[in-house]
Amino acid sequence: MMHTRAGWHVEMEFMEDDQHTRAVALVRLPDGTEVRAHGAASRHRSDTNQPRVGEEIAGARALNELAMQLLTKAHEEIDQASGRISHPIHV
């Protein structure tokens, strides 16, 4: 049986104008660390204005960057705990 030991809540904020969407993703880890990442999307002037699509693209890019930062953090912690250089963690 699995037991939940920790839960993470990711916060997303969006800033938009007519052609640009920026996203910020933030996760607070149980050890108090905050990891923040950014993503952006641009709408070509000939495309229809669909703010939700811009949010999805910018949000996905921010979450991807957040994932990469968490992988790097985990990799560094593995190296620190083991005292040696470990193999890279790939997605």
Protein backbone atom coordinates (compact mmCIF):
# COMPACT_ATOMS: atom_id res chain seq x y z
CA MET A 1 0.00 0.00 0.00
CA MET A 2 1.31 3.47 -0.87
CA HIS A 3 1.21 6.30 1.60
CA THR A 4 1.31 9.96 0.64
CA ARG A 5 4.23 11.64 2.38
CA ALA A 6 4.14 15.03 0.72
CA GLY A 7 2.02 17.03 -1.66
CA TRP A 8 3.16 19.76 -4.00
CA HIS A 9 1.04 22.61 -5.23
CA VAL A 10 2.17 24.40 -8.35
CA GLU A 11 1.07 28.01 -8.74
CA MET A 12 0.76 29.55 -12.20
CA GLU A 13 0.40 33.23 -12.98
CA PHE A 14 -0.14 34.75 -16.41
CA MET A 15 0.50 38.23 -17.78
CA GLU A 16 -1.00 39.00 -21.18
CA ASP A 17 -1.36 41.70 -23.78
CA ASP A 18 -2.78 41.49 -27.31
CA GLN A 19 0.09 39.44 -28.72
CA HIS A 20 2.14 38.09 -25.81
CA THR A 21 1.53 35.77 -22.88
CA ARG A 22 4.00 35.23 -20.09
CA ALA A 23 3.68 32.54 -17.44
CA VAL A 24 5.39 32.02 -14.11
CA ALA A 25 5.27 28.62 -12.42
CA LEU A 26 6.17 28.26 -8.74
CA VAL A 27 6.40 25.19 -6.54
CA ARG A 28 7.23 25.20 -2.84
CA LEU A 29 8.94 22.00 -1.79
CA PRO A 30 8.53 20.43 1.67
CA ASP A 31 12.08 21.52 2.60
CA GLY A 32 11.07 25.17 2.10
CA THR A 33 12.78 25.55 -1.26
CA GLU A 34 10.91 27.54 -3.88
CA VAL A 35 11.52 26.74 -7.53
CA ARG A 36 10.29 29.30 -10.07
CA ALA A 37 10.29 29.11 -13.87
CA HIS A 38 9.07 31.25 -16.75
CA GLY A 39 7.49 30.57 -20.11
CA ALA A 40 6.29 32.78 -22.97
CA ALA A 41 4.12 32.62 -26.06
CA SER A 42 3.57 35.10 -28.90
CA ARG A 43 0.60 35.37 -31.22
CA HIS A 44 1.24 36.19 -34.84
CA ARG A 45 -0.81 39.23 -35.85
CA SER A 46 -2.65 37.16 -38.51
CA ASP A 47 -3.80 34.56 -35.92
CA THR A 48 -7.13 34.94 -34.14
CA ASN A 49 -6.95 36.15 -30.54
CA GLN A 50 -7.24 33.03 -28.35
CA PRO A 51 -5.89 33.90 -24.90
CA ARG A 52 -6.40 30.38 -23.58
CA VAL A 53 -4.07 28.97 -26.25
CA GLY A 54 -1.40 31.49 -25.28
CA GLU A 55 -1.80 30.50 -21.64
CA GLU A 56 -1.51 26.81 -22.51
CA ILE A 57 1.68 27.34 -24.52
CA ALA A 58 3.32 29.74 -22.05
CA GLY A 59 2.21 27.57 -19.13
CA ALA A 60 3.57 24.40 -20.72
CA ARG A 61 6.90 26.11 -21.37
CA ALA A 62 7.08 27.31 -17.75
CA LEU A 63 6.24 23.84 -16.45
CA ASN A 64 8.85 22.28 -18.74
CA GLU A 65 11.47 24.68 -17.38
CA LEU A 66 10.28 23.92 -13.83
CA ALA A 67 10.68 20.18 -14.50
CA MET A 68 14.22 20.70 -15.79
CA GLN A 69 15.15 22.74 -12.71
CA LEU A 70 13.77 20.01 -10.43
CA LEU A 71 15.74 17.34 -12.32
CA THR A 72 18.90 19.41 -11.95
CA LYS A 73 18.22 19.92 -8.23
CA ALA A 74 17.67 16.19 -7.72
CA HIS A 75 20.83 15.37 -9.67
CA GLU A 76 22.89 17.75 -7.53
CA GLU A 77 21.43 16.26 -4.34
CA ILE A 78 22.28 12.72 -5.51
CA ASP A 79 25.86 13.80 -6.19
CA GLN A 80 26.16 15.58 -2.85
CA ALA A 81 24.78 12.63 -0.86
CA SER A 82 26.89 10.04 -2.67
CA GLY A 83 30.11 12.06 -2.88
CA ARG A 84 30.55 11.19 -6.53
CA ILE A 85 29.34 12.34 -9.94
CA SER A 86 26.28 10.39 -11.01
CA HIS A 87 24.85 9.83 -14.46
CA PRO A 88 22.63 12.63 -15.82
CA ILE A 89 18.90 12.29 -15.28
CA HIS A 90 17.11 12.35 -18.63
CA VAL A 91 13.48 13.06 -19.30
